Amino acid sequence: MKLPLSLAVAGPAARPELPALAAASGLVVLRVGAVLLRPWPLALAVDHALRPTSPAQSTATPSVGSGFAASLAASPLVVLLLAAAASVLLSAIVGLLDMASLRTVEGAAERIGASLRAAMFQRTMTRSLRWHDRMRSGELVSRLTTDVGRLLDAVVAMTTSFLPDAVMLAGVFALLVAFDPELALIGLAVAPVLAVLAVRQRRRIRAAQHAARTESGRLAGATTDLLRNVRAVQAFGRIDRAAAIFGTRNRAVLDIELRAIDVDARWTPMADIVLAIGTALVLVVGGRHVLTGALSVGELLVVLAYLRDLYSPVRGLTRLSVVLAKAGASAVRVRDVLDCDEAVEDRYDARPAPRLRSGVRFERVSFGYEAGRPVVDQFDLDITAGETVCLLGPSGIGKSTSLHLLLRLYDVDAGRILIDGVDLRDCDQRSLRDRFAFVPQDPWLLDATVAENIAFGNQNATRAGVIAAGRTALVDEFADRLPFGYDTPLGEGGVRLSGGQRRRVALARAAVSPAPMVLLDEPTASLDPVSAGSVIQAIRAMTAGTTGTTGTTGTTGTSRRTVLMVTHDRDLAAIADRVVTLDHQLAGRR
C-alpha cells in the first residue's frame, strides 16, 4: 500500500521509533478488543435482570448469554451488580490502554519530530547561498516548526486513529454479520456514500491547506523581517508602514484559513446526516425483528451499540483523510527542503586542504550570482603566505565576492583558486574553512555572552584562550565595564554593543581561531574615526602573530598570519604590505 505523502516524508526519521510505534499499535488493538466487549454487560442486564414480560418477548429465541445467566442462578440484583462491575472494569481497561498507547505514540512522534527538524536544519545549513538568497529565514522557521508539527499529527493519527478504526471496522462488521446479516448490510449501505464524500473532501481540504500554509510562510517571513529591523522602523517613524505590511499578510492568512475552515466544516453535517439515515434504517428493521421475536431487546441494544462503533471508525477514517490532507500540504513544503540538492558539494575524492605554507592564487576567476551577469571576470591575484594584501575599488566590483569564493561559499564559474597549488574544489569544505578566519562586513553576533561569541571561532577554545583573544582585539577596553564582564549577554545581534565594539568582538573571534589566514570584509565601515582607529589597532595586534594557532591556551606565536582585506578606508589600507586596486574590468594593479 502506498503511504500518504506526509508519512513518506517522515519515514527516515521514524525508523528508530518503529518499535515504539509497534508497541503502541499493539496497545491500540487490545483497546479495540476491550471496546467490543463493552455492550455485553448492558445486554445481560436488560435480558436477564430486567426480564421481558410481553408475549412476543416470552416466546423469543434464547438470547445470547442466557446460558451464562442461567448458570449464575442469581437474583436480578446480582446480575445488575455484576453487569455494572463489568462495565466499570472494561471502561477502566479501555482508559488505561488509551493512556499507555497515547504516551507511547506521542513520545515516539516527538522524537521523530526532533529528528526531522534536525535533518531539515542540517540540510538548510549546507545548502548553497544562492538557495538562501531566495528563501526567507522566516519561511524556513515556519517549515521547521508548524509544518513539521502537521506531519507529527499525521503520524499520531495513523497509529491512534487509522489502525484502531480499521480493526474496529473489521471486528464490528464480523460480529454484526454473525448476529444478523440483514442488519449488517443495512448498516453498511451508507459506507460507499461516505467514501465518495471523503475522497472529494480530502482533495478540497488539501488544496485549501496548501494555500494556507504558503500564505502562513509569507506571514512568518514578513514578520521576521520587520522584527529584525525594528530599530530602523522606529528610527524612520514608519511603524504605520510596518503595521500595514503585517496587516496585509495577516489578513491574507485569515482569509485563506477561514476558507479552509469552511471547507472542513461543510463535511460534518453531511457525514452526520448520512450516518443518521443508516442508524434509522437499522432501528426500524431491528425493531421489527424484536417485535417478531427474532431478537431480544438486549440484542438490539448490542446491535445499535456495535453500529455506533461501526460508524465511529467510518467517521474517524474520513476525518483522518482531513488530517492527512493538511499534513500532505505541509509535507510538500518539508520535502522541498529535504530534497533540495542546490549546494556546494565536495568531490568524492576530496582531500584535506593544505596548511597554507606558500600562498593563495586566483587564476582567471569568473563568477556571477546570476547567469550572464558576471561580478568577477578573469580575475588574477597572488598572495604570498604571511603577506597582508588589501583590495580597493568601487562598490559592486566583486571585492567581497572574492572572499566568499575563497571560502567556497560559492564555486567559481570559470578559472580556479589555488591554496598551496591545490584547487579549492579538490579540498573538503570543512578543512578548507578551517584555514580561514572570516570577519564579515556585518559582524553578526549570537544572542549569547561576549565569551561565547568569541569562542565561536574555535571549537577547542578555552577560557584563557578567549580572554587572550579578547585582549588582543581590545575587547578588554569595554568588556570590563559590562555588568558581568565577558559573561554579559549581548542580546539579539549584539544589540547592547556599539558598532565598533561589535567589530572588535568579531576580530577576537578571528583571533581565537587557529586559521593561518584572516579575511576581513570592510572591518571599519560606518565607524567614526576613533572607533575605526581602535579597530585598526586591534587588526594590527590580531594579525601580527599566530595567536589563533594556539588559541586554546592563549599563547602567541611569532610567524605572521596571511591577511586579505577588503576596504575603502585608506588608513586601514596603509597597514597592508600590498594594495590591489580593482577597476570595472577587475584587472589587479598596484
Protein backbone atom coordinates (compact mmCIF):
# COMPACT_ATOMS: atom_id res chain seq x y z
CA MET A 1 0.00 0.00 0.00
CA LYS A 2 1.31 3.44 -0.89
CA LEU A 3 1.99 5.55 2.17
CA PRO A 4 0.50 9.04 2.43
CA LEU A 5 2.99 11.72 1.37
CA SER A 6 3.17 13.08 4.93
CA LEU A 7 4.29 9.71 6.34
CA ALA A 8 6.66 9.04 3.43
CA VAL A 9 8.48 12.31 4.21
CA ALA A 10 8.71 11.44 7.93
CA GLY A 11 9.79 7.86 7.11
CA PRO A 12 13.60 8.10 7.55
CA ALA A 13 13.23 9.93 10.87
CA ALA A 14 10.60 7.38 12.00
CA ARG A 15 12.72 4.24 11.54
CA PRO A 16 14.37 4.34 15.01
CA GLU A 17 10.91 4.70 16.56
CA LEU A 18 9.33 1.72 14.81
CA PRO A 19 9.49 -0.49 17.96
CA ALA A 20 7.66 2.18 19.96
CA LEU A 21 5.08 2.64 17.21
CA ALA A 22 4.62 -1.15 17.02
CA ALA A 23 4.09 -1.31 20.79
CA ALA A 24 1.55 1.49 20.58
CA SER A 25 -0.22 -0.35 17.77
CA GLY A 26 -0.45 -3.49 19.92
CA LEU A 27 -1.95 -1.50 22.79
CA VAL A 28 -4.45 0.06 20.41
CA VAL A 29 -5.58 -3.36 19.16
CA LEU A 30 -6.07 -4.54 22.75
CA ARG A 31 -8.14 -1.44 23.40
CA VAL A 32 -10.37 -2.28 20.44
CA GLY A 33 -10.97 -5.74 21.91
CA ALA A 34 -11.98 -4.20 25.23
CA VAL A 35 -14.31 -1.75 23.48
CA LEU A 36 -16.01 -4.62 21.63
CA LEU A 37 -16.84 -6.24 24.97
CA ARG A 38 -18.44 -3.14 26.49
CA PRO A 39 -22.04 -3.59 25.16
CA TRP A 40 -22.41 -7.07 26.68
CA PRO A 41 -22.89 -6.17 30.35
CA LEU A 42 -25.79 -3.90 29.31
CA ALA A 43 -27.32 -6.66 27.16
CA LEU A 44 -27.11 -9.17 30.03
CA ALA A 45 -28.67 -6.69 32.43
CA VAL A 46 -31.57 -5.92 30.08
CA ASP A 47 -32.32 -9.52 29.11
CA HIS A 48 -31.73 -11.26 32.47
CA ALA A 49 -32.22 -8.70 35.20
CA LEU A 50 -34.93 -6.57 33.59
CA ARG A 51 -36.84 -9.57 32.27
CA PRO A 52 -39.22 -9.04 29.33
CA THR A 53 -42.88 -9.75 30.02
CA SER A 54 -44.57 -9.27 26.66
CA PRO A 55 -45.85 -12.41 24.89
CA ALA A 56 -43.61 -11.84 21.92
CA GLN A 57 -40.59 -11.48 24.15
CA SER A 58 -41.57 -14.52 26.28
CA THR A 59 -41.56 -16.71 23.20
CA ALA A 60 -38.42 -15.21 21.76
CA THR A 61 -35.48 -17.39 20.99
CA PRO A 62 -32.94 -17.69 23.80
CA SER A 63 -30.77 -14.58 23.86
CA VAL A 64 -27.02 -14.58 23.71
CA GLY A 65 -25.71 -15.00 27.23
CA SER A 66 -28.83 -16.79 28.52
CA GLY A 67 -26.84 -19.93 29.34
CA PHE A 68 -24.35 -17.85 31.29
CA ALA A 69 -27.13 -16.06 33.17
CA ALA A 70 -28.90 -19.31 33.96
CA SER A 71 -25.70 -20.82 35.27
CA LEU A 72 -25.44 -17.97 37.72
CA ALA A 73 -28.80 -18.90 39.29
CA ALA A 74 -28.64 -15.46 40.77
CA SER A 75 -31.20 -12.80 41.52
CA PRO A 76 -31.72 -9.89 39.11
CA LEU A 77 -29.94 -7.61 41.58
CA VAL A 78 -26.80 -9.76 41.46
CA VAL A 79 -26.88 -9.72 37.66
CA LEU A 80 -27.23 -5.93 37.70
CA LEU A 81 -24.31 -5.59 40.11
CA LEU A 82 -22.12 -7.90 38.03
CA ALA A 83 -23.07 -6.06 34.84
CA ALA A 84 -22.28 -2.72 36.48
CA ALA A 85 -18.93 -4.01 37.79
CA ALA A 86 -18.05 -5.42 34.36
CA SER A 87 -18.89 -2.08 32.72
CA VAL A 88 -16.64 -0.19 35.15
CA LEU A 89 -13.82 -2.72 34.72
CA LEU A 90 -13.99 -2.61 30.92
CA SER A 91 -14.04 1.19 30.95
CA ALA A 92 -11.02 1.24 33.25
CA ILE A 93 -9.16 -1.17 30.97
CA VAL A 94 -10.02 0.96 27.92
CA GLY A 95 -8.84 4.10 29.73
CA LEU A 96 -5.52 2.56 30.83
CA LEU A 97 -4.84 1.21 27.35
CA ASP A 98 -5.70 4.64 25.95
CA MET A 99 -3.22 6.30 28.30
CA ALA A 100 -0.44 3.82 27.57
CA SER A 101 -0.88 3.96 23.79
CA LEU A 102 -1.06 7.76 23.71
CA ARG A 103 2.05 8.16 25.86
CA THR A 104 3.94 5.71 23.69
CA VAL A 105 2.93 7.05 20.29
CA GLU A 106 3.13 10.73 21.17
CA GLY A 107 6.55 10.25 22.75
CA ALA A 108 7.69 8.50 19.58
CA ALA A 109 6.15 11.27 17.45
CA GLU A 110 8.02 13.97 19.37
CA ARG A 111 11.31 12.11 18.91
CA ILE A 112 10.52 11.76 15.20
CA GLY A 113 9.81 15.49 15.07
CA ALA A 114 13.12 16.30 16.77
CA SER A 115 14.99 14.10 14.27
CA LEU A 116 13.12 15.61 11.33
CA ARG A 117 13.80 19.16 12.49
CA ALA A 118 17.47 18.30 12.98
CA ALA A 119 17.66 16.81 9.47
CA MET A 120 15.97 19.87 7.98
CA PHE A 121 18.24 22.24 9.89
CA GLN A 122 21.35 20.33 8.83
CA ARG A 123 20.10 20.37 5.26
CA THR A 124 19.41 24.09 5.47
CA MET A 125 22.87 24.85 6.83
CA THR A 126 24.56 23.03 3.97
CA ARG A 127 22.54 24.47 1.09
CA SER A 128 24.06 26.94 -1.32
CA LEU A 129 23.87 30.62 -0.50
CA ARG A 130 22.12 31.02 -3.85
CA TRP A 131 19.26 28.99 -2.37
CA HIS A 132 19.31 31.01 0.86
CA ASP A 133 19.20 34.21 -1.15
CA ARG A 134 15.79 33.10 -2.46
CA MET A 135 14.43 31.51 0.74
CA ARG A 136 13.42 33.89 3.52
CA SER A 137 14.52 32.93 7.03
CA GLY A 138 11.00 33.34 8.47
CA GLU A 139 9.66 30.94 5.82
CA LEU A 140 12.26 28.36 6.85
CA VAL A 141 11.31 28.77 10.52
CA SER A 142 7.68 28.16 9.59
CA ARG A 143 8.61 24.94 7.80
CA LEU A 144 10.80 23.77 10.68
CA THR A 145 8.06 24.31 13.26
CA THR A 146 4.48 24.45 12.03
CA ASP A 147 4.87 22.15 9.04
CA VAL A 148 6.80 19.52 10.99
CA GLY A 149 4.06 19.69 13.64
CA ARG A 150 1.46 18.89 10.98
CA LEU A 151 3.46 15.80 9.97
CA LEU A 152 3.60 14.64 13.59
CA ASP A 153 -0.17 14.99 13.79
CA ALA A 154 -0.39 12.58 10.85
CA VAL A 155 1.98 10.06 12.49
CA VAL A 156 -0.08 10.08 15.70
CA ALA A 157 -3.36 9.91 13.78
CA MET A 158 -2.23 6.91 11.72
CA THR A 159 -1.40 4.98 14.90
CA THR A 160 -4.20 6.11 17.18
CA SER A 161 -6.95 6.54 14.56
CA PHE A 162 -6.31 4.60 11.39
CA LEU A 163 -5.21 1.31 12.97
CA PRO A 164 -7.88 1.10 15.71
CA ASP A 165 -10.57 2.31 13.33
CA ALA A 166 -9.61 -0.31 10.74
CA VAL A 167 -9.53 -3.09 13.37
CA MET A 168 -12.78 -1.86 14.89
CA LEU A 169 -14.44 -1.74 11.48
CA ALA A 170 -13.44 -5.32 10.69
CA GLY A 171 -14.36 -6.63 14.15
CA VAL A 172 -17.74 -4.92 14.34
CA PHE A 173 -18.65 -5.97 10.81
CA ALA A 174 -17.82 -9.60 11.59
CA LEU A 175 -19.90 -9.53 14.79
CA LEU A 176 -22.83 -7.85 13.07
CA VAL A 177 -22.81 -10.42 10.27
CA ALA A 178 -22.75 -13.21 12.86
CA PHE A 179 -25.58 -11.52 14.75
CA ASP A 180 -27.85 -10.51 11.91
CA PRO A 181 -26.55 -10.36 8.30
CA GLU A 182 -29.52 -8.28 7.17
CA LEU A 183 -28.87 -5.55 9.75
CA ALA A 184 -25.15 -5.61 8.94
CA LEU A 185 -25.79 -4.98 5.24
CA ILE A 186 -28.30 -2.22 6.01
CA GLY A 187 -25.85 -0.55 8.37
CA LEU A 188 -23.03 -0.68 5.82
CA ALA A 189 -25.18 0.60 2.96
CA VAL A 190 -24.12 4.18 3.78
CA ALA A 191 -20.36 3.39 3.71
CA PRO A 192 -19.90 3.86 -0.09
CA VAL A 193 -21.63 7.23 0.09
CA LEU A 194 -19.32 8.32 2.90
CA ALA A 195 -16.27 7.08 1.00
CA VAL A 196 -17.13 9.15 -2.07
CA LEU A 197 -17.72 12.23 0.06
CA ALA A 198 -14.45 11.69 1.95
CA VAL A 199 -12.36 11.47 -1.23
CA ARG A 200 -13.88 14.69 -2.56
CA GLN A 201 -13.42 16.38 0.80
CA ARG A 202 -9.77 15.38 1.08
CA ARG A 203 -8.94 16.90 -2.30
CA ARG A 204 -10.61 20.16 -1.40
CA ILE A 205 -9.01 20.38 2.05
CA ARG A 206 -5.55 19.56 0.74
CA ALA A 207 -5.76 22.35 -1.84
CA ALA A 208 -7.09 24.80 0.77
CA GLN A 209 -4.43 23.83 3.31
CA HIS A 210 -1.62 24.09 0.78
CA ALA A 211 -2.68 27.66 0.04
CA ALA A 212 -3.00 28.38 3.77
CA ARG A 213 0.47 27.03 4.57
CA THR A 214 2.02 29.04 1.75
CA GLU A 215 0.40 32.24 3.00
CA SER A 216 1.40 31.47 6.60
CA GLY A 217 5.00 31.09 5.47
CA ARG A 218 4.85 34.51 3.83
CA LEU A 219 3.47 35.99 7.04
CA ALA A 220 6.30 34.41 9.04
CA GLY A 221 8.88 35.78 6.60
CA ALA A 222 7.45 39.31 6.68
CA THR A 223 7.13 39.27 10.48
CA THR A 224 10.71 38.08 10.99
CA ASP A 225 11.99 40.76 8.63
CA LEU A 226 10.09 43.54 10.41
CA LEU A 227 11.08 42.41 13.90
CA ARG A 228 14.71 42.04 12.90
CA ASN A 229 14.70 45.65 11.66
CA VAL A 230 12.54 47.17 14.38
CA ARG A 231 15.14 49.87 15.09
CA ALA A 232 15.08 51.07 11.50
CA VAL A 233 11.27 51.03 11.55
CA GLN A 234 11.18 53.21 14.66
CA ALA A 235 14.04 55.45 13.52
CA PHE A 236 12.27 56.27 10.26
CA GLY A 237 8.94 56.67 12.05
CA ARG A 238 7.36 54.04 9.83
CA ILE A 239 5.52 51.97 12.38
CA ASP A 240 2.38 52.64 10.36
CA ARG A 241 4.05 51.24 7.25
CA ALA A 242 5.25 48.17 9.14
CA ALA A 243 1.77 47.66 10.57
CA ALA A 244 0.31 47.93 7.06
CA ILE A 245 2.74 45.32 5.70
CA PHE A 246 2.00 42.98 8.59
CA GLY A 247 -1.73 43.69 8.35
CA THR A 248 -1.84 42.81 4.66
CA ARG A 249 -0.15 39.47 5.26
CA ASN A 250 -2.19 38.81 8.39
CA ARG A 251 -5.48 39.45 6.60
CA ALA A 252 -4.39 37.20 3.73
CA VAL A 253 -3.70 34.37 6.21
CA LEU A 254 -7.03 34.98 7.96
CA ASP A 255 -8.97 34.90 4.69
CA ILE A 256 -7.32 31.72 3.44
CA GLU A 257 -7.63 29.98 6.84
CA LEU A 258 -11.32 30.88 7.05
CA ARG A 259 -11.84 29.38 3.60
CA ALA A 260 -10.04 26.23 4.71
CA ILE A 261 -12.20 26.06 7.86
CA ASP A 262 -15.32 26.50 5.76
CA VAL A 263 -14.27 23.60 3.50
CA ASP A 264 -13.62 21.42 6.56
CA ALA A 265 -16.80 22.41 8.39
CA ARG A 266 -19.04 21.51 5.47
CA TRP A 267 -18.11 17.86 5.98
CA THR A 268 -19.62 17.46 9.46
CA PRO A 269 -23.33 17.85 8.68
CA MET A 270 -23.08 15.76 5.51
CA ALA A 271 -21.45 12.88 7.37
CA ASP A 272 -23.85 13.13 10.31
CA ILE A 273 -26.92 13.06 8.05
CA VAL A 274 -25.70 10.03 6.09
CA LEU A 275 -24.85 8.14 9.30
CA ALA A 276 -28.18 9.08 10.88
CA ILE A 277 -30.01 7.62 7.88
CA GLY A 278 -28.14 4.33 8.34
CA THR A 279 -28.92 4.25 12.08
CA ALA A 280 -32.62 4.98 11.43
CA LEU A 281 -32.88 2.13 8.90
CA VAL A 282 -31.29 -0.32 11.34
CA LEU A 283 -33.56 0.85 14.17
CA VAL A 284 -36.68 0.29 12.06
CA VAL A 285 -35.65 -3.13 10.74
CA GLY A 286 -34.16 -4.23 14.07
CA GLY A 287 -37.27 -3.10 15.92
CA ARG A 288 -39.41 -5.29 13.64
CA HIS A 289 -37.14 -8.24 14.46
CA VAL A 290 -37.70 -7.62 18.19
CA LEU A 291 -41.46 -7.47 17.69
CA THR A 292 -41.39 -10.77 15.81
CA GLY A 293 -39.20 -12.41 18.43
CA ALA A 294 -36.14 -12.79 16.17
CA LEU A 295 -34.11 -10.55 18.50
CA SER A 296 -34.29 -9.69 22.18
CA VAL A 297 -34.25 -6.10 23.37
CA GLY A 298 -30.74 -6.59 24.77
CA GLU A 299 -29.52 -7.95 21.48
CA LEU A 300 -30.99 -4.97 19.61
CA LEU A 301 -29.14 -2.70 22.02
CA VAL A 302 -25.94 -4.62 21.27
CA VAL A 303 -26.57 -4.23 17.52
CA LEU A 304 -27.17 -0.49 17.90
CA ALA A 305 -24.07 -0.15 20.10
CA TYR A 306 -22.00 -2.04 17.53
CA LEU A 307 -23.50 0.10 14.78
CA ARG A 308 -22.35 3.15 16.69
CA ASP A 309 -18.93 1.52 17.00
CA LEU A 310 -19.08 0.77 13.28
CA TYR A 311 -19.92 4.35 12.34
CA SER A 312 -17.32 5.78 14.71
CA PRO A 313 -14.37 4.27 12.77
CA VAL A 314 -16.05 5.12 9.45
CA ARG A 315 -16.29 8.73 10.58
CA GLY A 316 -12.79 8.52 12.08
CA LEU A 317 -11.31 7.28 8.82
CA THR A 318 -12.97 10.08 6.91
CA ARG A 319 -11.74 12.61 9.46
CA LEU A 320 -8.29 11.07 9.15
CA SER A 321 -8.35 11.97 5.50
CA VAL A 322 -8.68 15.61 6.58
CA VAL A 323 -5.65 15.31 8.89
CA LEU A 324 -3.64 13.66 6.13
CA ALA A 325 -4.72 16.33 3.66
CA LYS A 326 -3.40 19.04 5.97
CA ALA A 327 -0.21 17.10 6.62
CA GLY A 328 0.19 16.48 2.89
CA ALA A 329 0.28 20.21 2.22
CA SER A 330 2.98 20.60 4.89
CA ALA A 331 4.86 17.53 3.60
CA VAL A 332 5.38 19.21 0.24
CA ARG A 333 6.99 22.19 1.98
CA VAL A 334 9.17 19.97 4.17
CA ARG A 335 10.22 17.84 1.22
CA ASP A 336 11.25 20.98 -0.69
CA VAL A 337 13.91 21.48 1.96
CA LEU A 338 14.97 17.85 2.41
CA ASP A 339 15.15 17.16 -1.34
CA CYS A 340 16.95 20.37 -2.26
CA ASP A 341 20.30 19.47 -3.85
CA GLU A 342 21.41 23.05 -4.54
CA ALA A 343 24.67 23.06 -2.60
CA VAL A 344 28.41 23.44 -2.90
CA GLU A 345 29.33 19.74 -2.88
CA ASP A 346 32.64 18.07 -2.11
CA ARG A 347 34.08 15.76 -4.72
CA TYR A 348 34.08 12.06 -3.89
CA ASP A 349 37.89 12.11 -3.63
CA ALA A 350 38.16 15.43 -1.76
CA ARG A 351 41.21 15.72 0.47
CA PRO A 352 42.15 17.92 3.44
CA ALA A 353 43.17 21.44 2.48
CA PRO A 354 46.89 22.31 2.67
CA ARG A 355 48.14 24.30 5.65
CA LEU A 356 48.87 27.44 3.57
CA ARG A 357 52.63 27.41 3.55
CA SER A 358 53.26 29.06 0.17
CA GLY A 359 50.18 31.13 -0.56
CA VAL A 360 46.88 31.63 -2.42
CA ARG A 361 46.39 32.24 -6.13
CA PHE A 362 43.35 33.37 -8.16
CA GLU A 363 43.73 32.25 -11.78
CA ARG A 364 41.41 33.89 -14.33
CA VAL A 365 38.48 33.56 -11.94
CA SER A 366 34.99 34.45 -13.18
CA PHE A 367 31.76 34.33 -11.19
CA GLY A 368 28.25 35.77 -11.28
CA TYR A 369 25.30 35.47 -8.90
CA GLU A 370 23.03 35.34 -11.95
CA ALA A 371 23.70 33.64 -15.27
CA GLY A 372 25.16 36.01 -17.85
CA ARG A 373 25.91 38.77 -15.33
CA PRO A 374 29.47 38.25 -14.03
CA VAL A 375 30.53 40.09 -10.89
CA VAL A 376 34.10 38.83 -11.16
CA ASP A 377 35.58 38.38 -14.62
CA GLN A 378 39.01 36.94 -15.47
CA PHE A 379 40.43 37.92 -12.06
CA ASP A 380 44.06 37.15 -11.22
CA LEU A 381 45.74 37.63 -7.83
CA ASP A 382 48.73 36.12 -5.99
CA ILE A 383 49.01 36.29 -2.19
CA THR A 384 52.19 35.04 -0.55
CA ALA A 385 51.95 33.31 2.83
CA GLY A 386 52.50 35.84 5.63
CA GLU A 387 51.58 38.78 3.37
CA THR A 388 48.85 41.34 4.08
CA VAL A 389 47.01 42.30 0.90
CA CYS A 390 44.32 44.95 0.64
CA LEU A 391 41.70 45.10 -2.14
CA LEU A 392 40.46 48.59 -3.05
CA GLY A 393 37.82 49.55 -5.56
CA PRO A 394 34.29 50.85 -6.04
CA SER A 395 31.26 49.12 -4.56
CA GLY A 396 29.90 46.21 -6.60
CA ILE A 397 33.29 45.45 -8.17
CA GLY A 398 33.49 42.00 -6.56
CA LYS A 399 35.83 42.59 -3.63
CA SER A 400 33.65 40.86 -1.02
CA THR A 401 32.75 38.20 -3.59
CA SER A 402 36.42 37.22 -3.83
CA LEU A 403 36.38 36.45 -0.08
CA HIS A 404 33.23 34.34 -0.46
CA LEU A 405 34.82 32.41 -3.32
CA LEU A 406 37.94 31.80 -1.25
CA LEU A 407 35.72 30.31 1.48
CA ARG A 408 33.87 28.24 -1.18
CA LEU A 409 30.56 29.72 -0.14
CA TYR A 410 30.13 29.73 -3.91
CA ASP A 411 32.05 27.82 -6.56
CA VAL A 412 33.70 29.76 -9.36
CA ASP A 413 32.03 29.70 -12.77
CA ALA A 414 35.39 29.68 -14.56
CA GLY A 415 39.06 29.66 -13.65
CA ARG A 416 40.32 28.33 -10.33
CA ILE A 417 41.55 29.33 -6.89
CA LEU A 418 44.61 27.55 -5.51
CA ILE A 419 45.90 27.16 -1.96
CA ASP A 420 49.49 25.93 -1.91
CA GLY A 421 48.95 24.93 -5.54
CA VAL A 422 45.84 22.82 -4.80
CA ASP A 423 42.46 23.73 -6.34
CA LEU A 424 39.95 24.60 -3.63
CA ARG A 425 37.41 22.31 -5.31
CA ASP A 426 39.68 19.36 -4.60
CA CYS A 427 39.55 20.06 -0.85
CA ASP A 428 36.81 19.10 1.54
CA GLN A 429 34.94 22.17 2.72
CA ARG A 430 35.37 21.70 6.45
CA SER A 431 39.16 21.51 6.37
CA LEU A 432 39.28 24.34 3.83
CA ARG A 433 37.28 26.70 6.03
CA ASP A 434 39.45 25.76 8.97
CA ARG A 435 42.26 27.55 7.12
CA PHE A 436 40.47 30.92 7.22
CA ALA A 437 39.23 33.23 9.96
CA PHE A 438 36.49 35.40 8.47
CA VAL A 439 35.37 38.80 9.77
CA PRO A 440 32.30 39.77 7.69
CA GLN A 441 31.20 43.30 6.92
CA ASP A 442 28.16 42.75 9.11
CA PRO A 443 29.81 41.42 12.29
CA TRP A 444 26.94 39.10 13.20
CA LEU A 445 26.86 38.08 16.83
CA LEU A 446 24.92 35.37 18.60
CA ASP A 447 22.37 36.10 21.30
CA ALA A 448 24.94 34.93 23.84
CA THR A 449 27.67 36.26 26.12
CA VAL A 450 30.83 38.04 24.99
CA ALA A 451 32.90 34.96 25.80
CA GLU A 452 30.57 32.60 23.92
CA ASN A 453 30.67 34.85 20.86
CA ILE A 454 34.47 34.86 20.85
CA ALA A 455 34.69 31.12 21.48
CA PHE A 456 32.51 30.52 18.39
CA GLY A 457 35.67 31.00 16.34
CA ASN A 458 37.35 27.89 17.76
CA GLN A 459 35.53 24.77 18.96
CA ASN A 460 38.50 23.95 21.21
CA ALA A 461 38.85 27.39 22.73
CA THR A 462 39.47 27.56 26.48
CA ARG A 463 38.53 30.37 28.81
CA ALA A 464 42.15 31.51 28.85
CA GLY A 465 42.28 31.47 25.06
CA VAL A 466 39.07 33.52 24.84
CA ILE A 467 40.40 36.13 27.29
CA ALA A 468 43.71 36.30 25.43
CA ALA A 469 41.93 36.80 22.10
CA GLY A 470 39.73 39.47 23.68
CA ARG A 471 42.81 41.25 24.98
CA THR A 472 44.44 41.09 21.54
CA ALA A 473 41.36 42.56 19.83
CA LEU A 474 40.99 45.26 22.53
CA VAL A 475 37.70 43.80 23.77
CA ASP A 476 39.02 44.30 27.31
CA GLU A 477 38.55 48.06 26.94
CA PHE A 478 34.76 47.73 27.11
CA ALA A 479 34.19 44.21 28.45
CA ASP A 480 35.45 45.23 31.89
CA ARG A 481 32.73 47.90 32.03
CA LEU A 482 29.91 45.48 31.23
CA PRO A 483 27.75 44.20 34.14
CA PHE A 484 29.19 40.67 34.06
CA GLY A 485 32.33 41.25 32.05
CA TYR A 486 32.92 38.56 29.45
CA ASP A 487 29.84 36.73 30.73
CA THR A 488 27.46 39.57 29.85
CA PRO A 489 24.69 38.55 27.39
CA LEU A 490 24.77 40.76 24.30
CA GLY A 491 21.16 40.37 23.14
CA GLU A 492 19.98 39.58 19.63
CA GLY A 493 22.61 40.59 17.08
CA GLY A 494 24.82 42.09 19.82
CA VAL A 495 22.37 44.97 20.26
CA ARG A 496 23.93 46.03 23.58
CA LEU A 497 27.23 46.93 21.91
CA SER A 498 28.19 49.77 19.63
CA GLY A 499 29.26 49.16 16.03
CA GLY A 500 32.96 49.41 16.87
CA GLN A 501 32.57 47.10 19.86
CA ARG A 502 30.79 44.50 17.74
CA ARG A 503 33.64 44.66 15.22
CA ARG A 504 36.20 44.05 17.96
CA VAL A 505 34.28 41.01 19.24
CA ALA A 506 34.25 39.70 15.65
CA LEU A 507 38.01 40.32 15.42
CA ALA A 508 38.51 38.47 18.72
CA ARG A 509 36.55 35.57 17.25
CA ALA A 510 39.05 35.52 14.38
CA ALA A 511 41.95 35.90 16.79
CA VAL A 512 40.99 32.82 18.79
CA SER A 513 40.76 30.81 15.57
CA PRO A 514 43.76 28.61 14.67
CA ALA A 515 43.37 29.56 10.99
CA PRO A 516 46.59 30.69 9.25
CA MET A 517 44.76 33.25 7.03
CA VAL A 518 42.42 36.07 8.02
CA LEU A 519 39.76 37.51 5.70
CA LEU A 520 38.50 40.98 6.60
CA ASP A 521 35.48 42.48 4.84
CA GLU A 522 35.20 46.26 5.40
CA PRO A 523 36.10 46.00 9.11
CA THR A 524 35.99 49.79 9.63
CA ALA A 525 32.92 50.59 7.52
CA SER A 526 30.42 53.03 9.06
CA LEU A 527 32.63 53.70 12.10
CA ASP A 528 33.68 57.07 13.45
CA PRO A 529 37.42 57.89 13.32
CA VAL A 530 38.02 56.97 16.96
CA SER A 531 36.24 53.60 16.68
CA ALA A 532 37.90 52.92 13.32
CA GLY A 533 41.28 53.67 14.87
CA SER A 534 40.62 51.18 17.67
CA VAL A 535 39.59 48.52 15.15
CA ILE A 536 42.75 49.14 13.05
CA GLN A 537 44.86 48.82 16.18
CA ALA A 538 43.07 45.55 17.01
CA ILE A 539 43.69 44.28 13.47
CA ARG A 540 47.40 45.05 13.75
CA ALA A 541 47.63 43.09 17.02
CA MET A 542 45.43 40.25 15.80
CA THR A 543 47.35 39.64 12.56
CA ALA A 544 50.86 40.20 13.92
CA GLY A 545 51.36 36.61 15.05
CA THR A 546 49.76 33.17 15.15
CA THR A 547 47.56 33.99 18.13
CA GLY A 548 44.86 31.66 16.87
CA THR A 549 47.15 28.70 16.23
CA THR A 550 47.39 28.19 19.98
CA GLY A 551 44.16 29.94 20.78
CA THR A 552 43.12 27.22 23.17
CA THR A 553 45.81 28.35 25.57
CA GLY A 554 46.04 31.97 24.66
CA THR A 555 49.74 31.99 23.77
CA THR A 556 51.09 33.95 20.84
CA GLY A 557 53.40 32.71 18.14
CA THR A 558 55.96 34.61 16.12
CA SER A 559 55.03 33.99 12.44
CA ARG A 560 52.66 36.40 10.72
CA ARG A 561 49.25 35.43 9.53
CA THR A 562 48.32 35.83 5.89
CA VAL A 563 45.66 38.56 5.53
CA LEU A 564 43.33 39.50 2.68
CA MET A 565 41.17 42.51 3.46
CA VAL A 566 38.57 44.48 1.58
CA THR A 567 38.16 48.14 2.45
CA HIS A 568 37.50 51.70 1.31
CA ASP A 569 39.45 53.02 4.30
CA ARG A 570 42.84 54.42 3.24
CA ASP A 571 44.07 54.38 6.85
CA LEU A 572 43.36 50.66 7.05
CA ALA A 573 44.89 50.08 3.62
CA ALA A 574 48.07 51.72 4.87
CA ILE A 575 48.85 48.77 7.16
CA ALA A 576 48.89 46.36 4.20
CA ASP A 577 52.08 45.10 2.56
CA ARG A 578 50.42 45.48 -0.82
CA VAL A 579 47.31 47.30 -2.10
CA VAL A 580 45.49 45.93 -5.15
CA THR A 581 43.09 48.33 -6.83
CA LEU A 582 40.26 46.84 -8.85
CA ASP A 583 38.68 48.59 -11.79
CA HIS A 584 35.47 47.61 -13.58
CA GLN A 585 37.35 45.04 -15.64
CA LEU A 586 38.71 43.56 -12.38
CA ALA A 587 42.31 43.74 -13.51
CA GLY A 588 44.52 43.84 -10.43
CA ARG A 589 47.23 46.53 -10.27
CA ARG A 590 49.31 48.15 -7.57
